[in-house]
Protein backbone atom coordinates (compact mmCIF):
# COMPACT_ATOMS: atom_id res chain seq x y z
CA MET A 1 100.32 68.01 78.03
CA ASN A 2 98.95 69.38 81.27
CA PHE A 3 96.42 67.20 83.08
CA GLU A 4 95.81 69.65 85.93
CA LEU A 5 92.74 71.84 86.11
CA SER A 6 93.46 75.56 86.25
CA ASP A 7 92.61 77.49 89.41
CA GLU A 8 89.60 78.93 87.60
CA GLN A 9 88.40 75.48 86.51
CA GLN A 10 88.82 74.11 90.04
CA SER A 11 86.78 77.03 91.41
CA VAL A 12 83.99 76.42 88.90
CA LYS A 13 83.99 72.69 89.69
CA LYS A 14 83.61 73.40 93.42
CA LEU A 15 80.91 75.99 92.74
CA VAL A 16 78.81 73.64 90.61
CA LYS A 17 79.37 70.73 92.98
CA ARG A 18 78.02 72.80 95.88
CA PHE A 19 75.10 73.93 93.74
CA VAL A 20 74.20 70.36 92.76
CA ASP A 21 74.51 69.10 96.33
CA LYS A 22 72.26 71.89 97.63
CA GLU A 23 69.72 72.53 94.86
CA ILE A 24 69.35 69.30 92.88
CA ILE A 25 70.25 66.17 94.85
CA PRO A 26 67.88 66.84 97.82
CA ASN A 27 64.95 67.36 95.41
CA ILE A 28 65.60 65.17 92.39
CA GLN A 29 63.94 61.99 93.68
CA GLU A 30 60.62 63.81 94.11
CA TRP A 31 60.94 65.74 90.84
CA ASP A 32 61.65 62.50 89.02
CA ARG A 33 58.65 60.78 90.63
CA GLN A 34 56.37 63.71 89.78
CA VAL A 35 57.78 64.10 86.24
CA HIS A 36 58.46 67.72 87.16
CA PHE A 37 60.89 70.07 85.42
CA GLU A 38 61.99 72.78 87.84
CA PRO A 39 62.60 76.01 85.84
CA SER A 40 64.07 77.85 88.82
CA ILE A 41 67.23 75.74 88.40
CA LEU A 42 67.91 77.51 85.09
CA LYS A 43 67.44 80.92 86.71
CA LYS A 44 69.89 79.98 89.47
CA LEU A 45 72.41 78.67 86.93
CA ALA A 46 72.07 82.00 85.10
CA GLU A 47 72.77 83.90 88.33
CA LEU A 48 76.02 81.93 88.63
CA GLN A 49 76.93 82.83 84.99
CA LEU A 50 76.79 79.16 84.03
CA MET A 51 74.33 79.40 81.12
CA GLY A 52 76.93 81.10 78.92
CA VAL A 53 80.14 79.97 80.55
CA CYS A 54 82.12 79.53 77.31
CA ILE A 55 80.58 82.45 75.44
CA PRO A 56 82.86 85.53 75.14
CA GLU A 57 82.23 88.30 77.65
CA GLU A 58 81.41 90.75 74.84
CA TYR A 59 78.36 88.59 74.08
CA GLY A 60 77.19 88.30 77.67
CA GLY A 61 79.03 85.13 78.65
CA ALA A 62 81.68 84.33 81.25
CA GLY A 63 84.43 83.95 78.63
CA MET A 64 85.83 80.70 80.05
CA ASP A 65 87.31 77.88 78.00
CA TYR A 66 85.40 74.96 76.50
CA ASN A 67 86.64 72.40 79.03
CA THR A 68 85.07 74.50 81.78
CA LEU A 69 81.75 73.80 80.04
CA ALA A 70 82.63 70.08 80.22
CA ILE A 71 83.34 70.38 83.95
CA ILE A 72 79.94 72.03 84.51
CA CYS A 73 78.13 69.32 82.53
CA GLU A 74 79.95 66.57 84.42
CA GLU A 75 78.93 68.01 87.78
CA LEU A 76 75.34 68.72 86.74
CA GLU A 77 74.80 65.17 85.52
CA ARG A 78 76.11 63.90 88.84
CA GLY A 79 72.91 65.49 90.15
CA ASP A 80 70.62 64.52 87.28
CA THR A 81 70.73 64.19 83.51
CA ALA A 82 67.80 66.60 83.11
CA TYR A 83 69.77 69.69 84.13
CA ARG A 84 72.91 68.74 82.25
CA THR A 85 70.64 68.31 79.22
CA ALA A 86 69.32 71.84 79.72
CA VAL A 87 72.84 73.28 79.56
CA SER A 88 73.80 70.97 76.68
CA VAL A 89 70.90 72.22 74.57
CA HIS A 90 70.89 75.88 75.60
CA THR A 91 74.66 76.40 75.52
CA GLY A 92 76.10 73.58 73.39
CA LEU A 93 73.54 73.17 70.63
CA ASN A 94 72.06 76.67 70.43
CA SER A 95 74.27 79.44 71.83
CA MET A 96 77.60 78.04 70.62
CA THR A 97 76.06 77.62 67.17
CA LEU A 98 74.99 81.27 67.18
CA LEU A 99 78.52 82.19 68.25
CA GLN A 100 79.99 80.21 65.34
CA TRP A 101 77.53 81.01 62.54
CA GLY A 102 75.54 84.08 63.56
CA THR A 103 75.75 87.58 62.15
CA GLU A 104 76.66 90.40 64.51
CA GLU A 105 73.01 91.45 64.55
CA GLN A 106 71.87 87.92 65.44
CA LYS A 107 74.47 87.66 68.20
CA GLN A 108 73.39 90.94 69.76
CA LYS A 109 69.70 90.10 69.54
CA TYR A 110 69.76 86.43 70.60
CA LEU A 111 73.17 85.30 71.84
CA VAL A 112 73.65 88.05 74.41
CA PRO A 113 70.39 87.45 76.34
CA GLN A 114 70.88 83.68 76.10
CA ALA A 115 74.45 83.84 77.40
CA GLN A 116 73.19 85.99 80.27
CA GLY A 117 70.48 83.42 80.96
CA LYS A 118 67.72 85.97 80.40
CA GLN A 119 66.42 83.86 77.53
CA VAL A 120 66.57 80.09 76.92
CA GLY A 121 67.52 78.50 73.62
CA ALA A 122 66.53 75.11 72.17
CA PHE A 123 67.43 73.07 69.09
CA GLY A 124 64.95 71.62 66.58
CA LEU A 125 66.43 69.06 64.19
CA THR A 126 64.74 65.69 64.86
CA GLU A 127 61.36 64.92 63.30
CA PRO A 128 58.96 61.98 63.66
CA ASN A 129 60.39 60.41 60.47
CA ALA A 130 63.85 61.96 60.49
CA GLY A 131 66.28 61.05 63.26
CA SER A 132 69.63 59.69 62.14
CA ASP A 133 68.51 60.28 58.54
CA VAL A 134 68.47 64.08 58.74
CA ALA A 135 67.89 64.53 55.01
CA ALA A 136 64.49 62.81 55.38
CA MET A 137 63.03 65.81 57.22
CA ASN A 138 59.70 67.14 55.98
CA SER A 139 59.67 70.62 57.53
CA THR A 140 59.68 73.34 54.86
CA ALA A 141 60.73 76.98 54.63
CA ILE A 142 59.36 78.83 51.61
CA ARG A 143 60.76 82.27 50.76
CA ASN A 144 58.10 84.96 50.70
CA GLY A 145 59.52 88.43 50.16
CA ASP A 146 61.61 89.42 53.16
CA SER A 147 60.41 86.39 55.15
CA TYR A 148 60.23 82.61 55.09
CA ILE A 149 57.05 80.67 55.82
CA LEU A 150 57.86 77.61 57.97
CA ASN A 151 55.65 74.55 58.26
CA GLY A 152 56.33 71.20 59.91
CA SER A 153 57.00 69.61 63.28
CA LYS A 154 59.94 68.62 65.44
CA THR A 155 60.01 65.98 68.14
CA TRP A 156 62.18 64.97 71.12
CA ILE A 157 63.05 68.62 71.60
CA SER A 158 64.55 69.32 75.01
CA LEU A 159 63.35 72.52 76.73
CA CYS A 160 60.42 72.67 74.29
CA ASP A 161 58.15 74.39 76.85
CA ALA A 162 60.91 76.43 78.52
CA ALA A 163 62.70 77.87 75.47
CA ASP A 164 62.28 81.43 74.20
CA ASN A 165 64.15 80.79 70.95
CA PHE A 166 64.48 77.69 68.76
CA LEU A 167 67.13 76.87 66.20
CA ILE A 168 64.93 75.21 63.56
CA PHE A 169 66.09 73.30 60.49
CA ALA A 170 63.83 73.09 57.45
CA LYS A 171 64.09 72.45 53.73
CA THR A 172 64.30 75.50 51.51
CA GLU A 173 64.74 73.23 48.51
CA HIS A 174 63.43 69.71 47.97
CA ASP A 175 64.90 66.77 46.06
CA ILE A 176 68.55 67.61 46.76
CA GLY A 177 68.81 65.88 50.15
CA HIS A 178 70.80 67.54 52.90
CA LYS A 179 71.99 70.29 50.54
CA GLY A 180 68.48 71.75 50.61
CA ILE A 181 68.34 72.27 54.39
CA SER A 182 68.59 75.74 55.95
CA ALA A 183 68.67 76.97 59.56
CA PHE A 184 66.43 79.57 61.21
CA ILE A 185 66.16 81.33 64.56
CA VAL A 186 62.49 81.04 65.53
CA GLU A 187 61.05 82.87 68.50
CA ARG A 188 58.36 81.22 70.60
CA LYS A 189 56.23 84.36 70.31
CA PHE A 190 56.07 84.12 66.50
CA PRO A 191 52.46 83.31 65.50
CA GLY A 192 52.01 79.66 64.57
CA VAL A 193 54.55 78.18 67.05
CA GLU A 194 53.14 75.64 69.50
CA THR A 195 54.78 73.11 71.83
CA LYS A 196 53.63 70.02 73.68
CA ALA A 197 55.52 67.95 76.26
CA ILE A 198 56.06 64.21 75.73
CA LYS A 199 54.83 62.07 78.62
CA GLY A 200 55.77 58.53 79.64
CA LYS A 201 59.54 58.66 79.11
CA LEU A 202 61.70 55.85 80.48
CA GLY A 203 64.20 58.27 81.96
CA ILE A 204 65.14 61.95 82.31
CA ARG A 205 61.67 62.36 83.80
CA ALA A 206 62.66 65.60 85.52
CA GLY A 207 63.50 67.08 82.12
CA ASN A 208 61.21 68.90 79.71
CA THR A 209 61.09 67.14 76.33
CA GLY A 210 58.46 67.46 73.67
CA GLU A 211 57.24 68.48 70.25
CA VAL A 212 57.34 71.77 68.37
CA PHE A 213 54.66 72.49 65.79
CA LEU A 214 55.14 75.11 63.07
CA SER A 215 52.05 76.31 61.23
CA ASP A 216 52.65 79.05 58.65
CA VAL A 217 55.26 80.64 60.89
CA ARG A 218 56.60 83.83 59.30
CA VAL A 219 60.33 84.17 60.00
CA PRO A 220 62.32 87.22 58.81
CA VAL A 221 65.14 86.57 56.34
CA SER A 222 67.41 88.25 58.89
CA ASN A 223 66.70 85.25 61.16
CA ARG A 224 68.17 82.73 58.74
CA LEU A 225 71.40 81.38 60.24
CA GLY A 226 74.06 81.02 57.57
CA GLU A 227 73.32 80.77 53.87
CA GLU A 228 70.48 78.91 52.20
CA GLY A 229 71.40 75.24 51.91
CA GLU A 230 74.02 75.51 54.68
CA GLY A 231 71.73 74.08 57.36
CA PHE A 232 73.14 70.55 57.34
CA LYS A 233 76.70 71.81 57.93
CA ILE A 234 75.42 74.09 60.68
CA ALA A 235 73.52 71.21 62.32
CA MET A 236 76.54 68.91 62.22
CA SER A 237 78.82 71.56 63.71
CA ALA A 238 76.20 72.16 66.41
CA LEU A 239 76.26 68.44 67.18
CA ASP A 240 80.04 68.63 67.65
CA ASN A 241 79.28 70.94 70.58
CA GLY A 242 76.22 69.07 71.81
CA ARG A 243 77.98 65.69 71.72
CA PHE A 244 80.88 67.20 73.64
CA THR A 245 78.56 68.22 76.48
CA VAL A 246 76.70 64.87 76.39
CA ALA A 247 80.00 63.00 76.71
CA ALA A 248 81.02 65.25 79.61
CA GLY A 249 77.70 64.53 81.29
CA ALA A 250 78.26 60.80 80.85
CA VAL A 251 81.49 61.18 82.82
CA GLY A 252 79.41 62.65 85.65
CA LEU A 253 77.00 59.73 85.52
CA ILE A 254 79.85 57.22 85.72
CA GLU A 255 81.18 59.12 88.72
CA ALA A 256 77.75 59.15 90.39
CA SER A 257 77.33 55.41 89.78
CA LEU A 258 80.77 54.74 91.19
CA GLU A 259 80.22 56.92 94.27
CA ALA A 260 76.90 55.24 95.06
CA SER A 261 78.40 51.78 94.54
CA LEU A 262 81.45 52.44 96.72
CA LYS A 263 79.22 53.68 99.53
CA TYR A 264 76.98 50.63 99.29
CA CYS A 265 79.96 48.24 99.05
CA HIS A 266 81.14 49.41 102.46
CA GLU A 267 77.67 49.38 104.02
CA ARG A 268 76.35 46.02 102.81
CA LYS A 269 77.73 42.75 104.17
CA THR A 270 77.22 39.21 102.87
CA PHE A 271 78.82 35.97 103.97
CA GLY A 272 80.43 37.80 106.88
CA LYS A 273 82.21 40.56 104.95
CA GLU A 274 81.61 43.77 103.02
CA ILE A 275 80.39 43.02 99.51
CA GLY A 276 83.32 45.07 98.22
CA ARG A 277 85.53 42.16 99.30
CA HIS A 278 83.94 39.90 96.68
CA GLN A 279 86.05 39.77 93.54
CA LEU A 280 83.23 39.98 91.02
CA VAL A 281 82.00 43.14 92.73
CA GLN A 282 85.56 44.47 92.58
CA GLN A 283 85.56 43.72 88.85
CA MET A 284 82.54 45.97 88.34
CA ILE A 285 84.08 48.70 90.50
CA ALA A 286 87.36 48.44 88.58
CA LYS A 287 85.58 48.79 85.25
CA MET A 288 83.72 51.89 86.46
CA SER A 289 86.98 53.42 87.72
CA ALA A 290 88.80 52.73 84.46
CA ASN A 291 85.97 54.01 82.28
CA LEU A 292 85.71 57.17 84.38
CA GLU A 293 89.35 58.00 83.63
CA ILE A 294 89.16 56.97 79.95
CA SER A 295 86.00 58.94 79.28
CA ARG A 296 87.18 62.09 81.04
CA LEU A 297 90.45 62.07 79.07
CA LEU A 298 88.57 61.69 75.78
CA VAL A 299 86.28 64.60 76.69
CA PHE A 300 89.13 66.88 77.72
CA LYS A 301 91.01 66.09 74.51
CA SER A 302 87.98 67.24 72.51
CA GLY A 303 87.77 70.39 74.64
CA TRP A 304 91.47 71.04 74.11
CA LEU A 305 90.96 70.87 70.35
CA LYS A 306 88.03 73.30 70.64
CA ASN A 307 90.25 75.67 72.62
CA GLN A 308 92.80 75.46 69.78
CA GLY A 309 90.14 76.30 67.21
CA LYS A 310 90.62 72.94 65.48
CA ARG A 311 88.04 70.58 63.96
CA ASN A 312 87.12 67.91 66.51
CA THR A 313 84.28 65.95 64.89
CA LYS A 314 86.23 62.67 65.04
CA GLU A 315 87.44 63.11 68.61
CA THR A 316 84.08 64.34 69.91
CA SER A 317 82.28 61.43 68.24
CA LEU A 318 84.68 59.02 69.93
CA ALA A 319 84.22 60.68 73.32
CA LYS A 320 80.44 60.62 72.98
CA TRP A 321 80.34 56.98 71.89
CA ILE A 322 82.73 55.63 74.52
CA ALA A 323 81.55 57.77 77.46
CA CYS A 324 77.82 57.17 76.91
CA ASN A 325 78.30 53.42 76.52
CA ALA A 326 80.46 53.41 79.65
CA ALA A 327 77.85 55.40 81.60
CA PHE A 328 75.14 52.90 80.66
CA GLU A 329 77.38 50.01 81.75
CA ALA A 330 78.31 51.78 85.00
CA ALA A 331 74.67 52.45 85.89
CA ASN A 332 73.73 48.87 85.02
CA ASP A 333 76.53 47.51 87.20
CA ALA A 334 75.57 49.90 90.01
CA VAL A 335 72.07 48.42 90.05
CA GLN A 336 73.59 44.93 90.12
CA ILE A 337 75.85 45.84 93.05
CA HIS A 338 72.84 47.16 94.96
CA GLY A 339 70.94 43.95 94.28
CA ALA A 340 67.20 44.11 94.93
CA TYR A 341 67.60 47.56 96.49
CA GLY A 342 68.97 48.80 93.17
CA TYR A 343 65.55 48.10 91.68
CA SER A 344 63.91 50.60 94.04
CA ASP A 345 64.04 54.39 93.93
CA GLU A 346 65.05 54.27 97.57
CA TYR A 347 68.54 54.40 96.02
CA PRO A 348 69.48 56.66 93.06
CA VAL A 349 71.04 53.96 90.87
CA GLU A 350 67.78 52.89 89.20
CA ARG A 351 67.36 56.50 88.05
CA PHE A 352 70.92 56.51 86.79
CA LEU A 353 70.16 53.42 84.69
CA ARG A 354 66.96 54.89 83.24
CA ASN A 355 68.67 58.20 82.50
CA SER A 356 71.74 56.61 80.95
CA LYS A 357 69.87 55.01 78.06
CA ALA A 358 68.80 58.18 76.23
CA PRO A 359 72.34 59.52 75.58
CA VAL A 360 73.23 56.20 73.91
CA ILE A 361 70.49 57.09 71.40
CA TYR A 362 70.38 60.86 70.93
CA GLU A 363 72.89 63.11 69.15
CA GLY A 364 74.07 60.18 67.09
CA THR A 365 73.26 56.63 68.14
CA ARG A 366 76.10 54.37 69.23
CA GLU A 367 75.70 52.66 65.85
CA ILE A 368 76.17 55.94 63.97
CA HIS A 369 79.30 56.74 65.98
CA THR A 370 80.64 53.22 65.46
CA ILE A 371 80.29 53.66 61.69
CA MET A 372 81.88 57.11 61.85
CA GLN A 373 84.94 55.81 63.69
CA GLY A 374 85.27 52.91 61.27
CA GLU A 375 85.09 55.27 58.29
CA TYR A 376 87.69 57.59 59.83
CA ALA A 377 90.05 54.66 60.42
CA LEU A 378 89.57 53.33 56.88
CA GLY A 379 90.08 56.75 55.30
CA TYR A 380 86.54 56.93 53.92
CA ARG A 381 85.63 59.97 56.03
CA GLU A 382 87.52 63.24 56.19
CA ASP A 383 86.55 66.52 57.85
CA LYS A 384 86.79 69.50 55.52
CA PRO A 385 87.18 73.10 56.69
CA LEU A 386 83.94 74.90 57.49
CA ARG A 387 83.10 78.39 56.23
CA LYS A 388 82.91 79.53 59.84
CA GLN A 389 84.79 77.98 62.76
CA LEU A 390 84.03 78.06 66.47
CA PRO A 391 86.40 80.72 67.87
CA ALA A 392 89.52 79.54 69.62
CA TRP A 393 90.08 80.31 73.29
CA PRO A 394 91.22 82.72 74.77
CA PHE A 395 88.65 84.81 72.91
CA GLU A 396 89.58 87.97 71.06
CA GLU A 397 87.13 90.82 70.80
CA VAL A 398 85.97 90.89 67.19
CA SER A 399 82.52 92.50 67.30
CA VAL A 400 81.83 95.70 65.43
CA HIS A 401 79.19 97.84 67.13
């Protein structure tokens, strides 16, 4: 085991840290107040080759390992959850899924421009009546010659108004549950695609989240990802990547909460001494410090397994569950440490608390992950080999042009 970051990883960490400190932190309070998503951040991330960091160079990416993606997500969330979410969705849920399941034609047409940051990808699984119960989705895809006709709607879709391409899941066959779900690459410019932002969110106000409406959208058969009926497996493998990035972001939120709390502990005095001298404050600081280390180790273990080309559903689920819970607790304690000031947006900790709640819900609620870990421990759940695996790192050139 080697717990040191490589020179390349350290360079990327410093690069993203400088970017966050310059581009996001000075502006995020106002963006959050105005409920404003700043699209120029994505363009700047693309210029730094960070929108396809773990995509092979032959497909337009930077060709770095999967833990470098975790490092980027950790640093971005230190700035704000909204921009970590953008990378999670674009890279983790969409582009890495195309890398794993796409045909060579699909990779050239969609993965390359997404990895280069010239196009933005989103992920459409959740529906108004189908969240944790994926098989309850109502969206349909009916074969019609060399196309499918898609109808339905998706909700809580990050980057809904910013994305060029959506990975959409719909039922090609009814009455057989998740075995009837298929996956499709849907372009925004296809007739019948509309999006609408969701207003009034508790947190991640600087992020773009909304609904996608599909009305008789004609999608070429060549845009089906995987085989018919393989959509559920594709979605779950995509979530292995998305949950990995969400867990990494949670590490960044714990770190941000800890940094803000340490600063305030040294500035604020009560009863004649710094509040950091009070033992119950120290208890909260100690818990943040411990959870930061625990969560980061769990994330890096998942990334190591990805680098090895091994299934990591169990380990990624654990990292997501533990890190997101810990981030929520850290943000909550940070507000407590700040006292009444923590309740004001004069300090960033109230935003941390609002932002920290969503990851406890999305990409598998904490309850879903609790059940998963229990089933793994009891031997009721076992991960079977997938038809297509995410490529191990270092990447080998395999494309045929």
